[in-house]
PDB file of N, CA and C in Angstrom:
ATOM      1  N   MET A   1    -153.111-163.887-105.570  1.00  0.00           N
ATOM      2  CA  MET A   1    -151.841-164.199-105.185  1.00  0.00           C
ATOM      3  C   MET A   1    -150.617-163.565-105.455  1.00  0.00           C
ATOM      4  N   ALA A   2    -149.534-162.950-104.460  1.00  0.00           N
ATOM      5  CA  ALA A   2    -148.504-161.926-104.712  1.00  0.00           C
ATOM      6  C   ALA A   2    -147.641-162.255-104.287  1.00  0.00           C
ATOM      7  N   THR A   3    -147.003-161.478-104.931  1.00  0.00           N
ATOM      8  CA  THR A   3    -144.944-162.069-104.199  1.00  0.00           C
ATOM      9  C   THR A   3    -144.784-160.778-103.485  1.00  0.00           C
ATOM     10  N   ARG A   4    -143.484-160.769-102.880  1.00  0.00           N
ATOM     11  CA  ARG A   4    -142.818-160.185-101.812  1.00  0.00           C
ATOM     12  C   ARG A   4    -142.666-158.537-102.488  1.00  0.00           C
ATOM     13  N   SER A   5    -142.558-158.699-104.054  1.00  0.00           N
ATOM     14  CA  SER A   5    -142.596-157.277-104.084  1.00  0.00           C
ATOM     15  C   SER A   5    -143.811-156.721-104.167  1.00  0.00           C
ATOM     16  N   GLY A   6    -144.849-157.682-104.139  1.00  0.00           N
ATOM     17  CA  GLY A   6    -146.724-157.236-104.427  1.00  0.00           C
ATOM     18  C   GLY A   6    -147.426-157.885-105.098  1.00  0.00           C
ATOM     19  N   ARG A   7    -146.273-158.064-106.415  1.00  0.00           N
ATOM     20  CA  ARG A   7    -147.011-157.471-108.259  1.00  0.00           C
ATOM     21  C   ARG A   7    -148.003-159.102-107.653  1.00  0.00           C
ATOM     22  N   ALA A   8    -148.899-158.749-108.724  1.00  0.00           N
ATOM     23  CA  ALA A   8    -149.042-160.549-108.800  1.00  0.00           C
ATOM     24  C   ALA A   8    -148.713-161.361-109.619  1.00  0.00           C
ATOM     25  N   THR A   9    -148.856-162.943-109.276  1.00  0.00           N
ATOM     26  CA  THR A   9    -148.319-163.802-110.072  1.00  0.00           C
ATOM     27  C   THR A   9    -149.051-164.712-111.068  1.00  0.00           C
ATOM     28  N   ALA A  10    -149.368-164.966-112.835  1.00  0.00           N
ATOM     29  CA  ALA A  10    -150.619-165.580-112.700  1.00  0.00           C
ATOM     30  C   ALA A  10    -150.374-167.098-112.832  1.00  0.00           C
ATOM     31  N   GLU A  11    -150.719-167.358-112.988  1.00  0.00           N
ATOM     32  CA  GLU A  11    -151.258-169.219-112.189  1.00  0.00           C
ATOM     33  C   GLU A  11    -151.163-169.739-113.991  1.00  0.00           C
ATOM     34  N   ALA A  12    -150.008-170.240-113.849  1.00  0.00           N
ATOM     35  CA  ALA A  12    -149.627-171.033-114.855  1.00  0.00           C
ATOM     36  C   ALA A  12    -151.195-171.856-115.800  1.00  0.00           C
ATOM     37  N   PRO A  13    -151.705-171.453-117.677  1.00  0.00           N
ATOM     38  CA  PRO A  13    -152.741-171.776-118.345  1.00  0.00           C
ATOM     39  C   PRO A  13    -153.226-172.967-118.036  1.00  0.00           C
ATOM     40  N   GLU A  14    -153.266-173.297-118.045  1.00  0.00           N
ATOM     41  CA  GLU A  14    -154.012-174.962-119.194  1.00  0.00           C
ATOM     42  C   GLU A  14    -153.862-175.272-120.459  1.00  0.00           C
ATOM     43  N   ILE A  15    -152.903-175.303-120.846  1.00  0.00           N
ATOM     44  CA  ILE A  15    -152.359-176.580-122.089  1.00  0.00           C
ATOM     45  C   ILE A  15    -152.880-176.977-122.286  1.00  0.00           C
ATOM     46  N   VAL A  16    -153.707-177.183-122.993  1.00  0.00           N
ATOM     47  CA  VAL A  16    -154.481-178.759-124.182  1.00  0.00           C
ATOM     48  C   VAL A  16    -153.552-179.430-125.705  1.00  0.00           C
ATOM     49  N   TRP A  17    -153.779-180.437-124.994  1.00  0.00           N
ATOM     50  CA  TRP A  17    -153.299-181.412-126.622  1.00  0.00           C
ATOM     51  C   TRP A  17    -154.121-181.597-127.558  1.00  0.00           C
ATOM     52  N   ASN A  18    -154.633-181.053-128.833  1.00  0.00           N
ATOM     53  CA  ASN A  18    -155.361-180.704-129.221  1.00  0.00           C
ATOM     54  C   ASN A  18    -155.087-181.781-130.589  1.00  0.00           C
ATOM     55  N   GLU A  19    -154.738-183.121-130.919  1.00  0.00           N
ATOM     56  CA  GLU A  19    -154.725-184.052-131.823  1.00  0.00           C
ATOM     57  C   GLU A  19    -154.725-184.215-132.938  1.00  0.00           C
ATOM     58  N   ARG A  20    -156.046-183.531-133.131  1.00  0.00           N
ATOM     59  CA  ARG A  20    -156.741-183.933-134.431  1.00  0.00           C
ATOM     60  C   ARG A  20    -156.560-183.202-135.010  1.00  0.00           C
ATOM     61  N   ASP A  21    -155.973-181.701-134.556  1.00  0.00           N
ATOM     62  CA  ASP A  21    -155.235-180.674-135.393  1.00  0.00           C
ATOM     63  C   ASP A  21    -154.097-180.270-135.274  1.00  0.00           C
ATOM     64  N   LYS A  22    -153.177-181.334-134.635  1.00  0.00           N
ATOM     65  CA  LYS A  22    -152.370-181.348-134.205  1.00  0.00           C
ATOM     66  C   LYS A  22    -151.261-179.813-133.404  1.00  0.00           C
ATOM     67  N   ARG A  23    -152.512-179.747-132.592  1.00  0.00           N
ATOM     68  CA  ARG A  23    -152.007-178.370-131.716  1.00  0.00           C
ATOM     69  C   ARG A  23    -151.728-178.654-129.835  1.00  0.00           C
ATOM     70  N   PHE A  24    -150.666-177.209-129.271  1.00  0.00           N
ATOM     71  CA  PHE A  24    -151.721-177.283-128.621  1.00  0.00           C
ATOM     72  C   PHE A  24    -151.695-175.844-128.142  1.00  0.00           C
ATOM     73  N   GLU A  25    -152.720-175.850-127.686  1.00  0.00           N
ATOM     74  CA  GLU A  25    -153.923-174.782-127.000  1.00  0.00           C
ATOM     75  C   GLU A  25    -154.189-174.070-126.070  1.00  0.00           C
ATOM     76  N   THR A  26    -153.704-173.170-125.361  1.00  0.00           N
ATOM     77  CA  THR A  26    -154.848-172.427-124.682  1.00  0.00           C
ATOM     78  C   THR A  26    -156.448-172.644-124.719  1.00  0.00           C
ATOM     79  N   GLU A  27    -156.738-172.660-123.651  1.00  0.00           N
ATOM     80  CA  GLU A  27    -158.355-173.276-123.719  1.00  0.00           C
ATOM     81  C   GLU A  27    -159.222-172.872-124.166  1.00  0.00           C
ATOM     82  N   ASP A  28    -158.923-171.450-124.702  1.00  0.00           N
ATOM     83  CA  ASP A  28    -159.946-170.468-125.367  1.00  0.00           C
ATOM     84  C   ASP A  28    -159.566-170.673-126.984  1.00  0.00           C
ATOM     85  N   LYS A  29    -158.744-171.650-127.154  1.00  0.00           N
ATOM     86  CA  LYS A  29    -157.779-171.620-128.560  1.00  0.00           C
ATOM     87  C   LYS A  29    -157.435-170.982-129.252  1.00  0.00           C
ATOM     88  N   LYS A  30    -157.461-169.975-128.471  1.00  0.00           N
ATOM     89  CA  LYS A  30    -156.276-168.118-129.181  1.00  0.00           C
ATOM     90  C   LYS A  30    -155.643-168.558-129.075  1.00  0.00           C
ATOM     91  N   THR A  31    -154.736-169.277-128.084  1.00  0.00           N
ATOM     92  CA  THR A  31    -153.056-169.388-128.555  1.00  0.00           C
ATOM     93  C   THR A  31    -152.320-170.616-128.113  1.00  0.00           C
ATOM     94  N   TYR A  32    -151.787-170.774-129.698  1.00  0.00           N
ATOM     95  CA  TYR A  32    -151.204-171.890-129.790  1.00  0.00           C
ATOM     96  C   TYR A  32    -149.856-172.085-130.409  1.00  0.00           C
ATOM     97  N   LEU A  33    -149.642-173.443-130.735  1.00  0.00           N
ATOM     98  CA  LEU A  33    -148.301-173.533-130.767  1.00  0.00           C
ATOM     99  C   LEU A  33    -148.836-175.075-132.027  1.00  0.00           C
ATOM    100  N   GLU A  34    -148.257-174.826-133.359  1.00  0.00           N
ATOM    101  CA  GLU A  34    -148.799-176.432-134.643  1.00  0.00           C
ATOM    102  C   GLU A  34    -147.720-177.162-134.658  1.00  0.00           C
ATOM    103  N   TYR A  35    -147.625-178.275-134.439  1.00  0.00           N
ATOM    104  CA  TYR A  35    -146.545-179.296-135.010  1.00  0.00           C
ATOM    105  C   TYR A  35    -146.894-179.847-136.141  1.00  0.00           C
ATOM    106  N   GLU A  36    -145.662-180.420-136.349  1.00  0.00           N
ATOM    107  CA  GLU A  36    -145.885-182.378-137.732  1.00  0.00           C
ATOM    108  C   GLU A  36    -144.443-183.185-137.054  1.00  0.00           C
ATOM    109  N   LEU A  37    -145.267-184.937-137.562  1.00  0.00           N
ATOM    110  CA  LEU A  37    -145.125-186.187-137.313  1.00  0.00           C
ATOM    111  C   LEU A  37    -144.046-185.857-138.589  1.00  0.00           C
ATOM    112  N   ARG A  38    -142.866-186.203-137.644  1.00  0.00           N
ATOM    113  CA  ARG A  38    -142.296-187.429-139.680  1.00  0.00           C
ATOM    114  C   ARG A  38    -141.596-187.987-138.348  1.00  0.00           C
ATOM    115  N   ASN A  39    -140.951-189.240-139.830  1.00  0.00           N
ATOM    116  CA  ASN A  39    -140.254-190.606-139.224  1.00  0.00           C
ATOM    117  C   ASN A  39    -141.323-191.471-138.346  1.00  0.00           C
ATOM    118  N   GLY A  40    -142.495-191.835-138.728  1.00  0.00           N
ATOM    119  CA  GLY A  40    -143.060-192.845-137.903  1.00  0.00           C
ATOM    120  C   GLY A  40    -143.754-192.691-137.190  1.00  0.00           C
ATOM    121  N   GLY A  41    -143.913-190.933-136.867  1.00  0.00           N
ATOM    122  CA  GLY A  41    -144.195-189.500-135.155  1.00  0.00           C
ATOM    123  C   GLY A  41    -143.205-190.458-134.141  1.00  0.00           C
ATOM    124  N   LYS A  42    -141.856-190.162-134.494  1.00  0.00           N
ATOM    125  CA  LYS A  42    -140.165-190.333-133.746  1.00  0.00           C
ATOM    126  C   LYS A  42    -140.096-188.330-133.713  1.00  0.00           C
ATOM    127  N   VAL A  43    -140.791-188.351-134.267  1.00  0.00           N
ATOM    128  CA  VAL A  43    -139.546-186.909-134.396  1.00  0.00           C
ATOM    129  C   VAL A  43    -140.441-185.688-134.784  1.00  0.00           C
ATOM    130  N   MET A  44    -141.154-184.609-133.296  1.00  0.00           N
ATOM    131  CA  MET A  44    -141.528-183.921-133.716  1.00  0.00           C
ATOM    132  C   MET A  44    -141.487-182.214-134.049  1.00  0.00           C
ATOM    133  N   ASP A  45    -141.923-181.804-135.577  1.00  0.00           N
ATOM    134  CA  ASP A  45    -140.633-180.538-135.691  1.00  0.00           C
ATOM    135  C   ASP A  45    -142.212-179.613-135.357  1.00  0.00           C
ATOM    136  N   ILE A  46    -142.126-178.510-134.429  1.00  0.00           N
ATOM    137  CA  ILE A  46    -142.605-177.305-133.996  1.00  0.00           C
ATOM    138  C   ILE A  46    -143.134-176.641-136.048  1.00  0.00           C
ATOM    139  N   ILE A  47    -143.986-176.356-136.011  1.00  0.00           N
ATOM    140  CA  ILE A  47    -143.552-175.550-137.385  1.00  0.00           C
ATOM    141  C   ILE A  47    -144.730-173.271-137.125  1.00  0.00           C
ATOM    142  N   HIS A  48    -145.170-173.967-136.360  1.00  0.00           N
ATOM    143  CA  HIS A  48    -145.553-172.738-136.102  1.00  0.00           C
ATOM    144  C   HIS A  48    -146.151-172.219-134.438  1.00  0.00           C
ATOM    145  N   THR A  49    -145.445-170.126-133.950  1.00  0.00           N
ATOM    146  CA  THR A  49    -146.769-171.153-132.581  1.00  0.00           C
ATOM    147  C   THR A  49    -146.848-169.207-133.070  1.00  0.00           C
ATOM    148  N   PHE A  50    -148.953-169.112-131.928  1.00  0.00           N
ATOM    149  CA  PHE A  50    -149.426-168.034-132.410  1.00  0.00           C
ATOM    150  C   PHE A  50    -150.296-167.260-131.593  1.00  0.00           C
ATOM    151  N   ILE A  51    -149.869-166.198-130.468  1.00  0.00           N
ATOM    152  CA  ILE A  51    -149.690-165.462-129.752  1.00  0.00           C
ATOM    153  C   ILE A  51    -150.975-163.951-129.979  1.00  0.00           C
ATOM    154  N   PRO A  52    -152.092-164.080-129.639  1.00  0.00           N
ATOM    155  CA  PRO A  52    -152.177-162.866-129.868  1.00  0.00           C
ATOM    156  C   PRO A  52    -151.726-161.124-129.406  1.00  0.00           C
ATOM    157  N   SER A  53    -151.951-160.329-129.682  1.00  0.00           N
ATOM    158  CA  SER A  53    -151.296-159.077-129.774  1.00  0.00           C
ATOM    159  C   SER A  53    -151.455-159.344-127.738  1.00  0.00           C
ATOM    160  N   SER A  54    -153.213-159.371-127.860  1.00  0.00           N
ATOM    161  CA  SER A  54    -153.007-158.735-126.335  1.00  0.00           C
ATOM    162  C   SER A  54    -153.119-159.075-125.226  1.00  0.00           C
ATOM    163  N   LYS A  55    -152.215-160.555-125.719  1.00  0.00           N
ATOM    164  CA  LYS A  55    -151.583-161.907-124.676  1.00  0.00           C
ATOM    165  C   LYS A  55    -150.018-162.442-124.594  1.00  0.00           C
ATOM    166  N   ARG A  56    -149.993-160.726-125.921  1.00  0.00           N
ATOM    167  CA  ARG A  56    -148.345-160.963-125.252  1.00  0.00           C
ATOM    168  C   ARG A  56    -147.630-160.740-123.832  1.00  0.00           C
ATOM    169  N   GLY A  57    -146.559-161.643-124.392  1.00  0.00           N
ATOM    170  CA  GLY A  57    -146.161-160.533-123.424  1.00  0.00           C
ATOM    171  C   GLY A  57    -146.371-161.489-122.035  1.00  0.00           C
ATOM    172  N   LEU A  58    -146.184-162.355-121.572  1.00  0.00           N
ATOM    173  CA  LEU A  58    -147.359-163.358-120.614  1.00  0.00           C
ATOM    174  C   LEU A  58    -146.932-164.804-120.576  1.00  0.00           C
ATOM    175  N   GLY A  59    -145.762-164.639-121.327  1.00  0.00           N
ATOM    176  CA  GLY A  59    -145.062-165.861-121.650  1.00  0.00           C
ATOM    177  C   GLY A  59    -145.607-167.530-121.901  1.00  0.00           C
ATOM    178  N   LEU A  60    -146.923-167.087-122.481  1.00  0.00           N
ATOM    179  CA  LEU A  60    -147.673-168.027-123.081  1.00  0.00           C
ATOM    180  C   LEU A  60    -146.161-168.898-124.206  1.00  0.00           C
ATOM    181  N   ALA A  61    -146.122-169.132-124.265  1.00  0.00           N
ATOM    182  CA  ALA A  61    -145.586-169.404-125.876  1.00  0.00           C
ATOM    183  C   ALA A  61    -144.177-170.072-125.088  1.00  0.00           C
ATOM    184  N   SER A  62    -143.850-169.660-123.259  1.00  0.00           N
ATOM    185  CA  SER A  62    -142.874-171.370-122.659  1.00  0.00           C
ATOM    186  C   SER A  62    -143.382-171.778-122.259  1.00  0.00           C
ATOM    187  N   HIS A  63    -145.329-171.362-121.681  1.00  0.00           N
ATOM    188  CA  HIS A  63    -145.432-172.703-121.557  1.00  0.00           C
ATOM    189  C   HIS A  63    -146.197-173.910-123.219  1.00  0.00           C
ATOM    190  N   LEU A  64    -146.098-172.988-124.073  1.00  0.00           N
ATOM    191  CA  LEU A  64    -146.756-174.020-125.345  1.00  0.00           C
ATOM    192  C   LEU A  64    -145.892-174.922-125.122  1.00  0.00           C
ATOM    193  N   TYR A  65    -144.809-175.033-125.358  1.00  0.00           N
ATOM    194  CA  TYR A  65    -143.637-175.379-125.914  1.00  0.00           C
ATOM    195  C   TYR A  65    -143.251-176.240-124.325  1.00  0.00           C
ATOM    196  N   VAL A  66    -142.884-176.068-123.482  1.00  0.00           N
ATOM    197  CA  VAL A  66    -142.752-177.205-122.091  1.00  0.00           C
ATOM    198  C   VAL A  66    -143.881-178.264-122.730  1.00  0.00           C
ATOM    199  N   ALA A  67    -145.186-178.084-123.044  1.00  0.00           N
ATOM    200  CA  ALA A  67    -146.690-179.052-122.376  1.00  0.00           C
ATOM    201  C   ALA A  67    -145.994-180.026-123.776  1.00  0.00           C
ATOM    202  N   ALA A  68    -145.722-178.533-125.610  1.00  0.00           N
ATOM    203  CA  ALA A  68    -145.040-179.484-126.394  1.00  0.00           C
ATOM    204  C   ALA A  68    -143.693-181.026-126.160  1.00  0.00           C
ATOM    205  N   PHE A  69    -142.437-179.882-125.790  1.00  0.00           N
ATOM    206  CA  PHE A  69    -141.971-180.915-125.254  1.00  0.00           C
ATOM    207  C   PHE A  69    -142.139-182.283-124.234  1.00  0.00           C
ATOM    208  N   ASN A  70    -143.145-181.819-123.808  1.00  0.00           N
ATOM    209  CA  ASN A  70    -142.863-182.965-122.809  1.00  0.00           C
ATOM    210  C   ASN A  70    -144.154-184.067-123.283  1.00  0.00           C
ATOM    211  N   HIS A  71    -144.840-183.587-123.870  1.00  0.00           N
ATOM    212  CA  HIS A  71    -145.681-184.392-124.958  1.00  0.00           C
ATOM    213  C   HIS A  71    -144.324-185.373-125.694  1.00  0.00           C
ATOM    214  N   ALA A  72    -143.460-184.649-126.181  1.00  0.00           N
ATOM    215  CA  ALA A  72    -142.806-185.342-126.784  1.00  0.00           C
ATOM    216  C   ALA A  72    -141.991-186.412-126.807  1.00  0.00           C
ATOM    217  N   GLN A  73    -141.160-186.310-125.659  1.00  0.00           N
ATOM    218  CA  GLN A  73    -140.508-187.155-124.092  1.00  0.00           C
ATOM    219  C   GLN A  73    -140.771-187.959-124.444  1.00  0.00           C
ATOM    220  N   SER A  74    -142.807-187.791-123.650  1.00  0.00           N
ATOM    221  CA  SER A  74    -143.797-189.432-123.216  1.00  0.00           C
ATOM    222  C   SER A  74    -144.141-189.844-124.154  1.00  0.00           C
TER     223      SER A  74
END
């Protein structure tokens, strides 16, 4: 897919909720956001994100945070 400027636009990556490890991650599990729950699961603390250097600058952290926030709201 291309924009009017001719630049390619990346499709949003699929973010997977890994409940067992308390993470939201890309399908390859190399990019992730870790969280902890407290107050009986009513509060989600985001404690760490990791983006490998080969994937930085692609907006992946934003996708991880959006997935976590959407999950927390539901």
